[in-house]
C-alpha cells in the first residue's frame, strides 16, 4: 500500500516538473523583417488576416502590419541578422 502511494506521488512530481518545460516550447517568439530593415519581435506566429499580419508584440499588445511590408517571418532562434548594404567610412 505504501509503495503504491509512493509511486503515485513520484509520477505526480514528475508530471509537475515536466509540464512547464513542455508548455514553454509552445510559446515561441518570431521575428518579422520589414522591407525598410526594421525587425519586430512577436509572441507567437503572426497570422495573415485581410492583407495584413496580425500579431501580439512582446508587451502583449495586438498590432497589424500590411503584408506588403513584410519580407520574412522566422522563429527568433533562426532569424538572420541582415547585413547593411552601406557601411559609412570610419572617422580618422
C-alpha atoms as a PDB file:
ATOM      1  CA  UNK A   1       0.000   0.000   0.000  1.00  0.00           C
ATOM      2  CA  UNK A   2       2.757   2.431   0.935  1.00  0.00           C
ATOM      3  CA  UNK A   3       4.806   1.643  -2.179  1.00  0.00           C
ATOM      4  CA  UNK A   4       1.718   2.219  -4.344  1.00  0.00           C
ATOM      5  CA  UNK A   5       1.183   5.706  -2.823  1.00  0.00           C
ATOM      6  CA  UNK A   6       4.868   6.490  -3.246  1.00  0.00           C
ATOM      7  CA  UNK A   7       4.743   5.510  -6.933  1.00  0.00           C
ATOM      8  CA  UNK A   8       1.723   7.796  -7.472  1.00  0.00           C
ATOM      9  CA  UNK A   9       3.494  10.687  -5.744  1.00  0.00           C
ATOM     10  CA  UNK A  10       6.613  10.171  -7.867  1.00  0.00           C
ATOM     11  CA  UNK A  11       4.543  10.277 -11.062  1.00  0.00           C
ATOM     12  CA  UNK A  12       2.744  13.400  -9.883  1.00  0.00           C
ATOM     13  CA  UNK A  13       6.020  15.193  -9.136  1.00  0.00           C
ATOM     14  CA  UNK A  14       7.442  14.157 -12.485  1.00  0.00           C
ATOM     15  CA  UNK A  15       4.376  15.493 -14.290  1.00  0.00           C
ATOM     16  CA  UNK A  16       4.541  18.780 -12.372  1.00  0.00           C
ATOM     17  CA  UNK A  17       8.219  19.221 -13.207  1.00  0.00           C
ATOM     18  CA  UNK A  18       7.853  18.410 -16.923  1.00  0.00           C
ATOM     19  CA  UNK A  19       4.676  20.419 -17.594  1.00  0.00           C
ATOM     20  CA  UNK A  20       6.355  23.889 -17.625  1.00  0.00           C
ATOM     21  CA  UNK A  21       9.105  22.624 -19.921  1.00  0.00           C
ATOM     22  CA  UNK A  22       6.607  21.228 -22.414  1.00  0.00           C
ATOM     23  CA  UNK A  23       4.360  24.284 -22.291  1.00  0.00           C
ATOM     24  CA  UNK A  24       7.249  26.717 -22.672  1.00  0.00           C
ATOM     25  CA  UNK A  25       8.047  25.207 -26.066  1.00  0.00           C
ATOM     26  CA  UNK A  26       4.590  26.187 -27.342  1.00  0.00           C
ATOM     27  CA  UNK A  27       5.042  29.928 -26.782  1.00  0.00           C
ATOM     28  CA  UNK A  28       7.686  30.760 -29.366  1.00  0.00           C
ATOM     29  CA  UNK A  29       8.886  34.212 -30.336  1.00  0.00           C
ATOM     30  CA  UNK A  30       9.073  35.127 -34.010  1.00  0.00           C
ATOM     31  CA  UNK A  31      10.877  37.940 -35.826  1.00  0.00           C
ATOM     32  CA  UNK A  32       9.184  39.783 -38.690  1.00  0.00           C
ATOM     33  CA  UNK A  33      11.589  41.575 -41.012  1.00  0.00           C
ATOM     34  CA  UNK A  34      10.134  44.551 -42.863  1.00  0.00           C
ATOM     35  CA  UNK A  35      11.152  45.983 -46.231  1.00  0.00           C
ATOM     36  CA  UNK A  36      12.599  49.109 -44.542  1.00  0.00           C
ATOM     37  CA  UNK A  37      15.034  46.991 -42.490  1.00  0.00           C
ATOM     38  CA  UNK A  38      13.056  47.144 -39.238  1.00  0.00           C
ATOM     39  CA  UNK A  39      12.596  43.956 -37.233  1.00  0.00           C
ATOM     40  CA  UNK A  40       9.608  43.246 -34.979  1.00  0.00           C
ATOM     41  CA  UNK A  41       9.729  40.513 -32.337  1.00  0.00           C
ATOM     42  CA  UNK A  42       6.346  38.880 -31.763  1.00  0.00           C
ATOM     43  CA  UNK A  43       4.826  36.451 -29.297  1.00  0.00           C
ATOM     44  CA  UNK A  44       3.623  33.531 -31.341  1.00  0.00           C
ATOM     45  CA  UNK A  45       3.410  33.287 -35.120  1.00  0.00           C
ATOM     46  CA  UNK A  46       1.749  36.253 -36.885  1.00  0.00           C
ATOM     47  CA  UNK A  47      -1.465  35.432 -38.757  1.00  0.00           C
ATOM     48  CA  UNK A  48      -2.410  36.808 -42.177  1.00  0.00           C
ATOM     49  CA  UNK A  49      -5.864  38.404 -41.975  1.00  0.00           C
ATOM     50  CA  UNK A  50      -7.281  40.557 -44.761  1.00  0.00           C
ATOM     51  CA  UNK A  51      -3.995  41.624 -46.303  1.00  0.00           C
ATOM     52  CA  UNK A  52      -2.220  42.370 -43.013  1.00  0.00           C
ATOM     53  CA  UNK A  53      -0.283  40.318 -40.485  1.00  0.00           C
ATOM     54  CA  UNK A  54      -1.863  40.436 -37.030  1.00  0.00           C
ATOM     55  CA  UNK A  55       0.492  39.727 -34.156  1.00  0.00           C
ATOM     56  CA  UNK A  56       0.974  40.177 -30.438  1.00  0.00           C
ATOM     57  CA  UNK A  57       4.107  42.131 -29.582  1.00  0.00           C
ATOM     58  CA  UNK A  58       6.432  41.449 -26.671  1.00  0.00           C
ATOM     59  CA  UNK A  59       4.365  43.654 -24.326  1.00  0.00           C
ATOM     60  CA  UNK A  60       1.231  41.707 -25.253  1.00  0.00           C
ATOM     61  CA  UNK A  61      -0.400  44.416 -27.404  1.00  0.00           C
ATOM     62  CA  UNK A  62      -2.124  43.298 -30.617  1.00  0.00           C
ATOM     63  CA  UNK A  63      -0.874  45.090 -33.746  1.00  0.00           C
ATOM     64  CA  UNK A  64      -1.127  44.868 -37.549  1.00  0.00           C
ATOM     65  CA  UNK A  65       1.408  45.289 -40.358  1.00  0.00           C
ATOM     66  CA  UNK A  66       0.440  45.341 -44.051  1.00  0.00           C
ATOM     67  CA  UNK A  67       1.553  42.107 -45.719  1.00  0.00           C
ATOM     68  CA  UNK A  68       3.385  44.055 -48.450  1.00  0.00           C
ATOM     69  CA  UNK A  69       5.833  45.437 -45.878  1.00  0.00           C
ATOM     70  CA  UNK A  70       6.853  42.014 -44.510  1.00  0.00           C
ATOM     71  CA  UNK A  71       9.833  40.343 -46.174  1.00  0.00           C
ATOM     72  CA  UNK A  72      10.441  37.452 -43.749  1.00  0.00           C
ATOM     73  CA  UNK A  73       8.858  35.747 -40.746  1.00  0.00           C
ATOM     74  CA  UNK A  74      11.114  33.358 -38.835  1.00  0.00           C
ATOM     75  CA  UNK A  75      11.421  31.910 -35.337  1.00  0.00           C
ATOM     76  CA  UNK A  76      13.646  34.156 -33.232  1.00  0.00           C
ATOM     77  CA  UNK A  77      16.196  31.369 -32.873  1.00  0.00           C
ATOM     78  CA  UNK A  78      16.558  31.121 -36.678  1.00  0.00           C
ATOM     79  CA  UNK A  79      16.170  34.777 -37.713  1.00  0.00           C
ATOM     80  CA  UNK A  80      19.131  36.072 -39.691  1.00  0.00           C
ATOM     81  CA  UNK A  81      20.812  39.349 -38.957  1.00  0.00           C
ATOM     82  CA  UNK A  82      20.520  41.472 -42.080  1.00  0.00           C
ATOM     83  CA  UNK A  83      23.791  42.793 -43.390  1.00  0.00           C
ATOM     84  CA  UNK A  84      23.859  46.526 -44.067  1.00  0.00           C
ATOM     85  CA  UNK A  85      24.273  47.407 -47.716  1.00  0.00           C
ATOM     86  CA  UNK A  86      26.082  50.622 -46.911  1.00  0.00           C
ATOM     87  CA  UNK A  87      28.801  50.952 -44.305  1.00  0.00           C
ATOM     88  CA  UNK A  88      29.827  54.518 -43.550  1.00  0.00           C
ATOM     89  CA  UNK A  89      33.587  55.148 -43.524  1.00  0.00           C
ATOM     90  CA  UNK A  90      35.259  55.317 -40.137  1.00  0.00           C
ATOM     91  CA  UNK A  91      36.495  58.647 -38.825  1.00  0.00           C
ATOM     92  CA  UNK A  92      40.214  59.333 -38.813  1.00  0.00           C
END
